[in-house]
C-alpha atoms as a PDB file:
ATOM      1  CA  MET A   1     -32.089 -28.977 -37.376  1.00  0.00           C
ATOM      2  CA  ARG A   2     -29.567 -26.340 -38.371  1.00  0.00           C
ATOM      3  CA  VAL A   3     -30.971 -22.926 -38.445  1.00  0.00           C
ATOM      4  CA  HIS A   4     -29.373 -19.668 -39.809  1.00  0.00           C
ATOM      5  CA  VAL A   5     -30.839 -16.299 -38.230  1.00  0.00           C
ATOM      6  CA  VAL A   6     -30.002 -12.660 -38.903  1.00  0.00           C
ATOM      7  CA  SER A   7     -30.925  -9.585 -37.639  1.00  0.00           C
ATOM      8  CA  ASP A   8     -29.691  -5.965 -38.283  1.00  0.00           C
ATOM      9  CA  VAL A   9     -28.476  -6.315 -42.037  1.00  0.00           C
ATOM     10  CA  HIS A  10     -28.872  -2.589 -43.062  1.00  0.00           C
ATOM     11  CA  GLY A  11     -27.919  -2.651 -46.258  1.00  0.00           C
ATOM     12  CA  ALA A  12     -25.405  -5.760 -46.750  1.00  0.00           C
ATOM     13  CA  ALA A  13     -27.115  -7.647 -49.796  1.00  0.00           C
ATOM     14  CA  PRO A  14     -23.995  -9.298 -50.700  1.00  0.00           C
ATOM     15  CA  GLU A  15     -23.610 -11.066 -47.652  1.00  0.00           C
ATOM     16  CA  LEU A  16     -27.177 -11.693 -47.044  1.00  0.00           C
ATOM     17  CA  SER A  17     -27.136 -13.613 -50.500  1.00  0.00           C
ATOM     18  CA  ARG A  18     -25.181 -16.104 -48.793  1.00  0.00           C
ATOM     19  CA  ALA A  19     -26.335 -16.126 -45.345  1.00  0.00           C
ATOM     20  CA  ALA A  20     -28.730 -19.328 -45.556  1.00  0.00           C
ATOM     21  CA  GLU A  21     -25.674 -21.850 -46.938  1.00  0.00           C
ATOM     22  CA  GLY A  22     -25.559 -24.741 -44.962  1.00  0.00           C
ATOM     23  CA  ALA A  23     -29.047 -24.170 -43.264  1.00  0.00           C
ATOM     24  CA  ASP A  24     -32.130 -25.989 -43.106  1.00  0.00           C
ATOM     25  CA  VAL A  25     -34.036 -22.804 -42.070  1.00  0.00           C
ATOM     26  CA  PHE A  26     -33.633 -19.383 -42.440  1.00  0.00           C
ATOM     27  CA  VAL A  27     -34.637 -16.466 -39.881  1.00  0.00           C
ATOM     28  CA  CYS A  28     -34.028 -12.842 -40.945  1.00  0.00           C
ATOM     29  CA  LEU A  29     -35.087 -10.502 -37.436  1.00  0.00           C
ATOM     30  CA  GLY A  30     -35.197  -7.185 -39.768  1.00  0.00           C
ATOM     31  CA  ASP A  31     -33.854  -4.334 -39.721  1.00  0.00           C
ATOM     32  CA  LEU A  32     -32.683  -4.191 -44.079  1.00  0.00           C
ATOM     33  CA  ILE A  33     -32.595  -0.533 -44.140  1.00  0.00           C
ATOM     34  CA  CYS A  34     -29.235   1.055 -44.009  1.00  0.00           C
ATOM     35  CA  PHE A  35     -30.165   5.134 -43.218  1.00  0.00           C
ATOM     36  CA  LEU A  36     -26.837   5.497 -41.439  1.00  0.00           C
ATOM     37  CA  ASP A  37     -23.932   3.502 -41.114  1.00  0.00           C
ATOM     38  CA  TYR A  38     -22.107   4.342 -37.448  1.00  0.00           C
ATOM     39  CA  HIS A  39     -18.862   3.074 -38.663  1.00  0.00           C
ATOM     40  CA  ASP A  40     -18.869   4.401 -42.163  1.00  0.00           C
ATOM     41  CA  PRO A  41     -20.296   7.907 -42.455  1.00  0.00           C
ATOM     42  CA  SER A  42     -20.244   7.689 -46.252  1.00  0.00           C
ATOM     43  CA  ARG A  43     -23.253   5.105 -46.406  1.00  0.00           C
ATOM     44  CA  GLY A  44     -26.240   5.123 -46.091  1.00  0.00           C
ATOM     45  CA  ILE A  45     -29.702   6.684 -47.248  1.00  0.00           C
ATOM     46  CA  PHE A  46     -28.425   9.958 -44.935  1.00  0.00           C
ATOM     47  CA  ALA A  47     -24.875  10.314 -46.636  1.00  0.00           C
ATOM     48  CA  ASP A  48     -26.616  10.010 -50.472  1.00  0.00           C
ATOM     49  CA  LEU A  49     -28.941  12.440 -49.781  1.00  0.00           C
ATOM     50  CA  PHE A  50     -26.625  14.873 -47.590  1.00  0.00           C
ATOM     51  CA  GLY A  51     -22.950  13.910 -47.779  1.00  0.00           C
ATOM     52  CA  SER A  52     -20.713  11.942 -45.811  1.00  0.00           C
ATOM     53  CA  GLU A  53     -19.756  14.978 -43.309  1.00  0.00           C
ATOM     54  CA  HIS A  54     -23.528  15.570 -42.230  1.00  0.00           C
ATOM     55  CA  ALA A  55     -24.080  12.189 -41.798  1.00  0.00           C
ATOM     56  CA  ALA A  56     -21.030  12.149 -39.686  1.00  0.00           C
ATOM     57  CA  GLN A  57     -22.474  15.300 -37.720  1.00  0.00           C
ATOM     58  CA  TYR A  58     -25.808  13.859 -37.175  1.00  0.00           C
ATOM     59  CA  ILE A  59     -24.402  10.719 -35.954  1.00  0.00           C
ATOM     60  CA  ALA A  60     -22.203  12.330 -33.264  1.00  0.00           C
ATOM     61  CA  LEU A  61     -25.027  13.883 -32.176  1.00  0.00           C
ATOM     62  CA  ARG A  62     -27.339  11.038 -31.741  1.00  0.00           C
ATOM     63  CA  THR A  63     -24.639   9.111 -30.198  1.00  0.00           C
ATOM     64  CA  ALA A  64     -24.283  11.992 -27.446  1.00  0.00           C
ATOM     65  CA  ASN A  65     -28.018  11.831 -27.009  1.00  0.00           C
ATOM     66  CA  ARG A  66     -28.628  14.936 -28.449  1.00  0.00           C
ATOM     67  CA  PHE A  67     -31.444  14.080 -30.688  1.00  0.00           C
ATOM     68  CA  ALA A  68     -33.102  17.808 -30.574  1.00  0.00           C
ATOM     69  CA  GLU A  69     -30.570  19.082 -32.080  1.00  0.00           C
ATOM     70  CA  ALA A  70     -29.881  16.198 -34.294  1.00  0.00           C
ATOM     71  CA  ARG A  71     -33.293  17.030 -35.797  1.00  0.00           C
ATOM     72  CA  GLU A  72     -32.618  20.291 -36.004  1.00  0.00           C
ATOM     73  CA  LEU A  73     -29.256  19.550 -38.386  1.00  0.00           C
ATOM     74  CA  SER A  74     -31.585  17.287 -40.155  1.00  0.00           C
ATOM     75  CA  ALA A  75     -34.044  20.077 -40.845  1.00  0.00           C
ATOM     76  CA  ARG A  76     -31.721  22.387 -42.148  1.00  0.00           C
ATOM     77  CA  ALA A  77     -30.217  19.983 -44.410  1.00  0.00           C
ATOM     78  CA  TRP A  78     -33.977  19.062 -45.472  1.00  0.00           C
ATOM     79  CA  ALA A  79     -34.433  22.935 -46.336  1.00  0.00           C
ATOM     80  CA  ASP A  80     -31.077  23.238 -48.535  1.00  0.00           C
ATOM     81  CA  LEU A  81     -32.350  20.887 -50.555  1.00  0.00           C
ATOM     82  CA  GLY A  82     -35.601  22.853 -51.137  1.00  0.00           C
ATOM     83  CA  VAL A  83     -37.812  19.645 -49.764  1.00  0.00           C
ATOM     84  CA  ASP A  84     -40.672  20.838 -47.158  1.00  0.00           C
ATOM     85  CA  GLY A  85     -42.783  19.487 -45.174  1.00  0.00           C
ATOM     86  CA  GLN A  86     -42.850  15.449 -43.670  1.00  0.00           C
ATOM     87  CA  GLU A  87     -45.048  14.523 -46.969  1.00  0.00           C
ATOM     88  CA  GLY A  88     -42.031  16.350 -49.063  1.00  0.00           C
ATOM     89  CA  ARG A  89     -39.366  14.414 -47.207  1.00  0.00           C
ATOM     90  CA  TRP A  90     -41.020  10.948 -47.443  1.00  0.00           C
ATOM     91  CA  GLY A  91     -41.318  11.324 -51.122  1.00  0.00           C
ATOM     92  CA  VAL A  92     -37.900  11.891 -51.274  1.00  0.00           C
ATOM     93  CA  MET A  93     -37.044   9.049 -48.923  1.00  0.00           C
ATOM     94  CA  GLN A  94     -39.425   6.176 -50.164  1.00  0.00           C
ATOM     95  CA  ALA A  95     -37.805   6.099 -53.505  1.00  0.00           C
ATOM     96  CA  MET A  96     -34.504   5.668 -51.591  1.00  0.00           C
ATOM     97  CA  VAL A  97     -35.814   2.744 -49.476  1.00  0.00           C
ATOM     98  CA  ARG A  98     -37.755   1.000 -52.102  1.00  0.00           C
ATOM     99  CA  SER A  99     -34.372   0.721 -54.062  1.00  0.00           C
ATOM    100  CA  GLN A 100     -32.608  -0.875 -51.031  1.00  0.00           C
ATOM    101  CA  TYR A 101     -35.948  -3.183 -50.656  1.00  0.00           C
ATOM    102  CA  GLU A 102     -35.386  -4.388 -54.040  1.00  0.00           C
ATOM    103  CA  GLU A 103     -31.751  -5.322 -54.144  1.00  0.00           C
ATOM    104  CA  LEU A 104     -31.952  -6.946 -50.273  1.00  0.00           C
ATOM    105  CA  PHE A 105     -35.283  -8.753 -50.977  1.00  0.00           C
ATOM    106  CA  ASP A 106     -33.214 -10.173 -54.076  1.00  0.00           C
ATOM    107  CA  ALA A 107     -30.869 -11.067 -52.437  1.00  0.00           C
ATOM    108  CA  MET A 108     -33.127 -12.832 -49.195  1.00  0.00           C
ATOM    109  CA  PRO A 109     -32.878 -16.456 -48.884  1.00  0.00           C
ATOM    110  CA  ARG A 110     -35.659 -18.199 -50.034  1.00  0.00           C
ATOM    111  CA  PRO A 111     -37.468 -19.971 -48.462  1.00  0.00           C
ATOM    112  CA  ALA A 112     -37.232 -17.723 -45.170  1.00  0.00           C
ATOM    113  CA  LEU A 113     -38.969 -16.803 -42.138  1.00  0.00           C
ATOM    114  CA  LEU A 114     -39.066 -12.978 -41.499  1.00  0.00           C
ATOM    115  CA  THR A 115     -40.043 -10.268 -39.244  1.00  0.00           C
ATOM    116  CA  TYR A 116     -39.943  -6.326 -39.189  1.00  0.00           C
ATOM    117  CA  GLY A 117     -37.220  -4.457 -37.165  1.00  0.00           C
ATOM    118  CA  ASN A 118     -37.595  -1.014 -35.890  1.00  0.00           C
ATOM    119  CA  VAL A 119     -35.676   0.426 -38.862  1.00  0.00           C
ATOM    120  CA  ASP A 120     -38.353  -1.000 -41.558  1.00  0.00           C
ATOM    121  CA  LEU A 121     -41.537   0.364 -43.127  1.00  0.00           C
ATOM    122  CA  PRO A 122     -43.599  -2.826 -42.989  1.00  0.00           C
ATOM    123  CA  ASP A 123     -46.268  -1.193 -45.351  1.00  0.00           C
ATOM    124  CA  LEU A 124     -43.356  -1.337 -48.087  1.00  0.00           C
ATOM    125  CA  TRP A 125     -42.642  -5.358 -47.677  1.00  0.00           C
ATOM    126  CA  PRO A 126     -45.478  -6.831 -49.648  1.00  0.00           C
ATOM    127  CA  ASP A 127     -43.682  -5.127 -53.078  1.00  0.00           C
ATOM    128  CA  PHE A 128     -41.018  -7.499 -53.044  1.00  0.00           C
ATOM    129  CA  LEU A 129     -41.648 -10.683 -50.697  1.00  0.00           C
ATOM    130  CA  ALA A 130     -41.512 -13.556 -52.820  1.00  0.00           C
ATOM    131  CA  ASP A 131     -44.004 -16.337 -52.456  1.00  0.00           C
ATOM    132  CA  ASP A 132     -41.918 -18.345 -50.114  1.00  0.00           C
ATOM    133  CA  HIS A 133     -40.908 -15.198 -47.889  1.00  0.00           C
ATOM    134  CA  ARG A 134     -43.325 -15.635 -44.858  1.00  0.00           C
ATOM    135  CA  VAL A 135     -43.678 -12.592 -42.714  1.00  0.00           C
ATOM    136  CA  LEU A 136     -44.826 -13.547 -38.722  1.00  0.00           C
ATOM    137  CA  ASP A 137     -45.466 -10.967 -36.200  1.00  0.00           C
ATOM    138  CA  GLY A 138     -47.228 -11.563 -32.982  1.00  0.00           C
ATOM    139  CA  GLU A 139     -47.739 -14.751 -34.638  1.00  0.00           C
ATOM    140  CA  VAL A 140     -46.438 -18.674 -34.118  1.00  0.00           C
ATOM    141  CA  VAL A 141     -45.209 -21.161 -36.458  1.00  0.00           C
ATOM    142  CA  GLU A 142     -44.445 -24.871 -35.954  1.00  0.00           C
ATOM    143  CA  VAL A 143     -41.125 -25.985 -37.001  1.00  0.00           C
ATOM    144  CA  GLY A 144     -39.725 -29.388 -36.802  1.00  0.00           C
ATOM    145  CA  GLY A 145     -42.272 -30.001 -33.659  1.00  0.00           C
ATOM    146  CA  LEU A 146     -41.751 -26.967 -32.365  1.00  0.00           C
ATOM    147  CA  ARG A 147     -43.637 -23.798 -31.460  1.00  0.00           C
ATOM    148  CA  TRP A 148     -41.609 -20.772 -32.988  1.00  0.00           C
ATOM    149  CA  GLY A 149     -43.295 -17.107 -32.109  1.00  0.00           C
ATOM    150  CA  PHE A 150     -42.147 -13.968 -33.853  1.00  0.00           C
ATOM    151  CA  VAL A 151     -42.595 -10.423 -32.443  1.00  0.00           C
ATOM    152  CA  GLY A 152     -41.449  -7.396 -34.918  1.00  0.00           C
ATOM    153  CA  GLY A 153     -40.602  -4.090 -34.483  1.00  0.00           C
ATOM    154  CA  GLY A 154     -39.459  -1.996 -31.508  1.00  0.00           C
ATOM    155  CA  LEU A 155     -40.624   0.052 -28.935  1.00  0.00           C
ATOM    156  CA  GLN A 156     -41.095   4.269 -28.774  1.00  0.00           C
ATOM    157  CA  SER A 157     -37.718   5.719 -28.167  1.00  0.00           C
ATOM    158  CA  PRO A 158     -36.135   9.502 -28.827  1.00  0.00           C
ATOM    159  CA  MET A 159     -34.285   7.864 -32.091  1.00  0.00           C
ATOM    160  CA  ARG A 160     -37.991   7.829 -33.875  1.00  0.00           C
ATOM    161  CA  THR A 161     -37.472   4.995 -35.968  1.00  0.00           C
ATOM    162  CA  PRO A 162     -40.178   4.144 -38.561  1.00  0.00           C
ATOM    163  CA  PHE A 163     -41.209   1.046 -36.828  1.00  0.00           C
ATOM    164  CA  GLU A 164     -41.866   1.636 -33.255  1.00  0.00           C
ATOM    165  CA  VAL A 165     -45.331   0.828 -31.606  1.00  0.00           C
ATOM    166  CA  SER A 166     -46.807   1.745 -28.285  1.00  0.00           C
ATOM    167  CA  PRO A 167     -46.188  -0.234 -25.230  1.00  0.00           C
ATOM    168  CA  GLU A 168     -49.641  -1.652 -25.344  1.00  0.00           C
ATOM    169  CA  VAL A 169     -49.625  -2.717 -29.066  1.00  0.00           C
ATOM    170  CA  TYR A 170     -46.224  -4.589 -28.390  1.00  0.00           C
ATOM    171  CA  ALA A 171     -47.821  -6.288 -25.409  1.00  0.00           C
ATOM    172  CA  ALA A 172     -50.588  -7.343 -27.438  1.00  0.00           C
ATOM    173  CA  LYS A 173     -48.508  -9.128 -29.778  1.00  0.00           C
ATOM    174  CA  VAL A 174     -46.619 -10.686 -27.454  1.00  0.00           C
ATOM    175  CA  ALA A 175     -49.616 -12.213 -25.414  1.00  0.00           C
ATOM    176  CA  ALA A 176     -51.124 -13.658 -28.604  1.00  0.00           C
ATOM    177  CA  LEU A 177     -48.095 -16.124 -28.849  1.00  0.00           C
ATOM    178  CA  GLY A 178     -48.936 -18.243 -25.914  1.00  0.00           C
ATOM    179  CA  PRO A 179     -46.071 -20.226 -24.929  1.00  0.00           C
ATOM    180  CA  VAL A 180     -43.458 -21.337 -27.249  1.00  0.00           C
ATOM    181  CA  ASP A 181     -40.451 -23.787 -27.537  1.00  0.00           C
ATOM    182  CA  VAL A 182     -38.299 -20.990 -29.244  1.00  0.00           C
ATOM    183  CA  LEU A 183     -39.226 -16.790 -29.539  1.00  0.00           C
ATOM    184  CA  PHE A 184     -37.551 -14.605 -31.979  1.00  0.00           C
ATOM    185  CA  THR A 185     -37.965 -10.657 -31.397  1.00  0.00           C
ATOM    186  CA  HIS A 186     -35.912  -7.943 -32.957  1.00  0.00           C
ATOM    187  CA  ILE A 187     -35.511  -6.283 -29.777  1.00  0.00           C
ATOM    188  CA  PRO A 188     -34.292  -7.470 -26.331  1.00  0.00           C
ATOM    189  CA  PRO A 189     -35.615  -7.808 -23.137  1.00  0.00           C
ATOM    190  CA  SER A 190     -35.387  -5.385 -20.813  1.00  0.00           C
ATOM    191  CA  LEU A 191     -32.048  -6.860 -18.749  1.00  0.00           C
ATOM    192  CA  PRO A 192     -29.320  -4.053 -18.556  1.00  0.00           C
ATOM    193  CA  GLU A 193     -26.622  -6.042 -19.707  1.00  0.00           C
ATOM    194  CA  LEU A 194     -28.595  -7.230 -22.768  1.00  0.00           C
ATOM    195  CA  THR A 195     -29.609  -3.535 -24.053  1.00  0.00           C
ATOM    196  CA  TYR A 196     -26.294  -1.812 -23.312  1.00  0.00           C
ATOM    197  CA  ASP A 197     -24.376  -1.014 -26.609  1.00  0.00           C
ATOM    198  CA  VAL A 198     -20.917  -0.828 -25.457  1.00  0.00           C
ATOM    199  CA  GLU A 199     -20.121   1.484 -28.463  1.00  0.00           C
ATOM    200  CA  ALA A 200     -22.704   3.699 -28.408  1.00  0.00           C
ATOM    201  CA  ARG A 201     -22.497   3.877 -24.953  1.00  0.00           C
ATOM    202  CA  ARG A 202     -25.822   4.083 -23.858  1.00  0.00           C
ATOM    203  CA  PHE A 203     -28.777   1.699 -23.134  1.00  0.00           C
ATOM    204  CA  GLU A 204     -30.931   1.095 -25.894  1.00  0.00           C
ATOM    205  CA  ILE A 205     -35.079  -0.001 -25.354  1.00  0.00           C
ATOM    206  CA  GLY A 206     -35.612  -3.668 -24.357  1.00  0.00           C
ATOM    207  CA  SER A 207     -39.294  -4.634 -23.682  1.00  0.00           C
ATOM    208  CA  GLN A 208     -40.037  -5.845 -20.137  1.00  0.00           C
ATOM    209  CA  VAL A 209     -43.113  -7.497 -21.610  1.00  0.00           C
ATOM    210  CA  LEU A 210     -40.539  -9.850 -23.221  1.00  0.00           C
ATOM    211  CA  LEU A 211     -38.704 -10.450 -19.839  1.00  0.00           C
ATOM    212  CA  ASP A 212     -41.715 -11.014 -18.262  1.00  0.00           C
ATOM    213  CA  TYR A 213     -42.873 -13.916 -21.007  1.00  0.00           C
ATOM    214  CA  VAL A 214     -39.687 -15.370 -20.640  1.00  0.00           C
ATOM    215  CA  HIS A 215     -39.920 -15.704 -16.989  1.00  0.00           C
ATOM    216  CA  GLU A 216     -43.217 -16.996 -17.291  1.00  0.00           C
ATOM    217  CA  HIS A 217     -43.331 -19.317 -20.308  1.00  0.00           C
ATOM    218  CA  GLN A 218     -39.549 -20.352 -20.375  1.00  0.00           C
ATOM    219  CA  PRO A 219     -38.780 -21.037 -23.973  1.00  0.00           C
ATOM    220  CA  ARG A 220     -35.982 -22.998 -24.763  1.00  0.00           C
ATOM    221  CA  TYR A 221     -34.306 -20.185 -26.917  1.00  0.00           C
ATOM    222  CA  HIS A 222     -35.044 -16.304 -26.994  1.00  0.00           C
ATOM    223  CA  LEU A 223     -32.989 -14.905 -30.234  1.00  0.00           C
ATOM    224  CA  PHE A 224     -32.854 -11.147 -31.037  1.00  0.00           C
ATOM    225  CA  GLY A 225     -30.566  -8.403 -32.361  1.00  0.00           C
ATOM    226  CA  HIS A 226     -30.994  -4.712 -32.128  1.00  0.00           C
ATOM    227  CA  ILE A 227     -28.391  -4.120 -29.924  1.00  0.00           C
ATOM    228  CA  HIS A 228     -24.887  -4.110 -32.156  1.00  0.00           C
ATOM    229  CA  GLN A 229     -22.350  -3.926 -29.889  1.00  0.00           C
ATOM    230  CA  PRO A 230     -24.097  -5.507 -26.869  1.00  0.00           C
ATOM    231  CA  LEU A 231     -22.210  -5.375 -23.174  1.00  0.00           C
ATOM    232  CA  VAL A 232     -23.192  -9.151 -22.683  1.00  0.00           C
ATOM    233  CA  ALA A 233     -24.530 -11.223 -25.988  1.00  0.00           C
ATOM    234  CA  ARG A 234     -26.139 -14.017 -24.387  1.00  0.00           C
ATOM    235  CA  THR A 235     -27.301 -14.702 -21.096  1.00  0.00           C
ATOM    236  CA  ARG A 236     -29.759 -17.165 -19.168  1.00  0.00           C
ATOM    237  CA  ILE A 237     -33.106 -16.178 -17.360  1.00  0.00           C
ATOM    238  CA  GLY A 238     -34.205 -19.540 -15.604  1.00  0.00           C
ATOM    239  CA  ARG A 239     -33.880 -22.587 -18.388  1.00  0.00           C
ATOM    240  CA  THR A 240     -34.018 -19.851 -21.381  1.00  0.00           C
ATOM    241  CA  GLU A 241     -30.955 -19.247 -23.252  1.00  0.00           C
ATOM    242  CA  CYS A 242     -31.180 -15.536 -24.597  1.00  0.00           C
ATOM    243  CA  LEU A 243     -29.123 -15.137 -27.593  1.00  0.00           C
ATOM    244  CA  ASN A 244     -28.104 -11.651 -29.606  1.00  0.00           C
ATOM    245  CA  VAL A 245     -27.903 -13.051 -33.139  1.00  0.00           C
ATOM    246  CA  GLY A 246     -25.378 -10.303 -33.811  1.00  0.00           C
ATOM    247  CA  HIS A 247     -24.777  -7.243 -36.139  1.00  0.00           C
ATOM    248  CA  PHE A 248     -25.085  -8.847 -39.460  1.00  0.00           C
ATOM    249  CA  GLN A 249     -23.950  -5.800 -41.377  1.00  0.00           C
ATOM    250  CA  GLY A 250     -20.973  -5.693 -39.327  1.00  0.00           C
ATOM    251  CA  ARG A 251     -19.751  -9.332 -38.745  1.00  0.00           C
ATOM    252  CA  GLY A 252     -21.187 -10.760 -42.309  1.00  0.00           C
ATOM    253  CA  ARG A 253     -22.373 -14.313 -40.934  1.00  0.00           C
ATOM    254  CA  PRO A 254     -25.251 -15.580 -39.478  1.00  0.00           C
ATOM    255  CA  PHE A 255     -25.624 -16.768 -36.168  1.00  0.00           C
ATOM    256  CA  VAL A 256     -25.836 -20.245 -36.252  1.00  0.00           C
ATOM    257  CA  LEU A 257     -28.597 -22.548 -33.460  1.00  0.00           C
ATOM    258  CA  ASP A 258     -28.292 -26.533 -34.109  1.00  0.00           C
ATOM    259  CA  LEU A 259     -32.348 -27.510 -32.342  1.00  0.00           C
ATOM    260  CA  THR A 260     -32.190 -31.220 -31.911  1.00  0.00           C
END
């Protein structure tokens, strides 16, 4: 069984439309929306709203872990647009997010198994999903006689991305799985070599609960994304092969896993 897996799509609709070619099963681990493009500041919702120069400054501050200054920069940009308050900002952003989702879900291969990334808005997904798009979060599905477990979203961070949940909520989703043969998540387990982004030059947030789960249940594979340029893309924890499936927007091709 040939499985194609993508994560961190971030607006790459043309490439997404081809990502299931030759696959028996297609899996998407989220982060469909492109708010900011760290490689090309002229792309994404922030650039469309405020211009590429603002986006570049905002990216530079976040990369330097100067998150308070980044939020102040963003607040000034919203004020310059004459948009006040969180509700007003969300009204503007929602229209742009919906436009991206319309294009991305139109490009999404069918059928597909999906879970959310931290840069996703789950409440909007039902408006765009096809009948043969199955979303799983804290759930298990049997494929080819194997149990596949899915956990979406991210943990609370200074980034304040849209779908971050508390450690308690995340732990409950993981606990709901029970033992699985293949584990799919958006974020990695909390190992330094898997959570360090060599381009951003910082540790992103992984999950200790996922690490504990892998130690206890030893699935054959744990596949995830989230870290765009990881120090290490794969490692083993006991018998479990831990695999970063790659930054799809950057590489333009899916990760291929042959399950026998």
